[in-house]
Amino acid sequence: MHPGTTLGKCQLDVQLRYIIHLFVTYIKIKRLKWAGHVILMEEQSPARRVVVAVVEGRRQRDRLKPRWKDGVMEDARKLRGEKLEECCKE
C-alpha cells in the first residue's frame, strides 16, 4: 500500500478486531483485580457479602444467563489454572 492511500476493508477489519481484543482483555484484567480485592475484604464487608452470597432457589431451565462470578472464575482458571481464592492468597 502506498503512502497517502486509505486502508483496505480487510485491514480495517483486522484493526477493529485487534482493538476489540485489547478492550476485552482490559475489562477481564480489571474484573479480576476487583474480584481479588473483594476476596481479601473483611467477612462483613457489604461488597464481599454480595459477591460471595448464594441465592436460594433454582435457576431457570432455559438457557442460563452467565453470572459475574462464573466469568471471573473462568478468567482466573485461564490465567493461572487455579481457583480465584488461591490466586488471591499469595
Protein backbone atom coordinates (compact mmCIF):
# COMPACT_ATOMS: atom_id res chain seq x y z
CA MET A 1 0.00 0.00 0.00
CA HIS A 2 1.32 3.40 -0.94
CA PRO A 3 1.60 6.34 1.45
CA GLY A 4 -1.48 8.53 1.48
CA THR A 5 -3.90 5.79 0.42
CA THR A 6 -6.72 4.64 2.62
CA LEU A 7 -6.72 1.32 4.38
CA GLY A 8 -8.50 -1.53 2.68
CA LYS A 9 -11.66 -3.04 4.13
CA CYS A 10 -9.78 -6.16 5.25
CA GLN A 11 -7.12 -4.13 7.07
CA LEU A 12 -9.77 -2.09 8.86
CA ASP A 13 -11.50 -5.30 9.91
CA VAL A 14 -8.23 -6.68 11.34
CA GLN A 15 -7.54 -3.44 13.20
CA LEU A 16 -11.05 -3.37 14.62
CA ARG A 17 -10.76 -6.97 15.83
CA TYR A 18 -7.43 -6.16 17.46
CA ILE A 19 -8.88 -3.12 19.24
CA ILE A 20 -11.85 -5.15 20.46
CA HIS A 21 -9.48 -7.88 21.71
CA LEU A 22 -7.46 -5.28 23.65
CA PHE A 23 -10.63 -3.81 25.13
CA VAL A 24 -11.98 -7.21 26.22
CA THR A 25 -8.61 -8.12 27.76
CA TYR A 26 -8.55 -4.82 29.66
CA ILE A 27 -12.02 -5.46 31.07
CA LYS A 28 -11.10 -9.01 32.14
CA ILE A 29 -7.99 -7.79 33.93
CA LYS A 30 -9.93 -5.09 35.78
CA ARG A 31 -12.63 -7.60 36.71
CA LEU A 32 -10.02 -10.00 38.14
CA LYS A 33 -8.37 -7.19 40.11
CA TRP A 34 -11.73 -6.18 41.60
CA ALA A 35 -12.57 -9.80 42.44
CA GLY A 36 -9.22 -10.23 44.19
CA HIS A 37 -9.81 -7.03 46.12
CA VAL A 38 -13.25 -8.24 47.22
CA ILE A 39 -11.96 -11.69 48.24
CA LEU A 40 -9.41 -10.05 50.54
CA MET A 41 -12.01 -7.78 52.19
CA GLU A 42 -13.33 -8.41 55.69
CA GLU A 43 -16.05 -11.05 56.01
CA GLN A 44 -18.74 -8.48 56.93
CA SER A 45 -17.95 -6.06 54.11
CA PRO A 46 -21.11 -5.37 52.04
CA ALA A 47 -19.29 -5.84 48.72
CA ARG A 48 -17.88 -9.20 49.79
CA ARG A 49 -21.21 -10.39 51.17
CA VAL A 50 -22.91 -9.64 47.84
CA VAL A 51 -20.24 -11.39 45.75
CA VAL A 52 -19.98 -14.46 48.00
CA ALA A 53 -23.74 -14.75 48.65
CA VAL A 54 -25.60 -17.81 47.40
CA VAL A 55 -29.18 -17.18 46.33
CA GLU A 56 -31.70 -19.79 47.44
CA GLY A 57 -33.91 -21.46 44.89
CA ARG A 58 -33.42 -22.88 41.43
CA ARG A 59 -32.24 -21.28 38.24
CA GLN A 60 -34.33 -21.31 35.07
CA ARG A 61 -34.44 -24.42 32.91
CA ASP A 62 -33.86 -22.50 29.70
CA ARG A 63 -30.55 -21.07 28.65
CA LEU A 64 -28.89 -19.76 31.80
CA LYS A 65 -27.64 -16.21 31.94
CA PRO A 66 -23.94 -16.08 32.76
CA ARG A 67 -23.21 -14.99 36.30
CA TRP A 68 -20.48 -12.47 37.08
CA LYS A 69 -18.78 -14.90 39.44
CA ASP A 70 -18.70 -17.65 36.78
CA GLY A 71 -16.96 -15.31 34.33
CA VAL A 72 -14.38 -14.28 36.91
CA MET A 73 -13.69 -17.90 37.85
CA GLU A 74 -13.23 -18.84 34.18
CA ASP A 75 -10.80 -15.94 33.65
CA ALA A 76 -8.82 -16.97 36.76
CA ARG A 77 -8.65 -20.58 35.53
CA LYS A 78 -7.38 -19.46 32.13
CA LEU A 79 -4.85 -17.12 33.71
CA ARG A 80 -3.40 -19.31 36.42
CA GLY A 81 -5.12 -22.68 36.23
CA GLU A 82 -6.38 -22.44 39.78
CA LYS A 83 -9.28 -21.12 41.81
CA LEU A 84 -9.65 -17.40 42.38
CA GLU A 85 -9.29 -17.70 46.17
CA GLU A 86 -5.96 -19.49 45.74
CA CYS A 87 -4.66 -16.75 43.41
CA CYS A 88 -5.55 -14.02 45.91
CA LYS A 89 -3.98 -15.69 48.95
CA GLU A 90 -0.45 -15.47 47.51
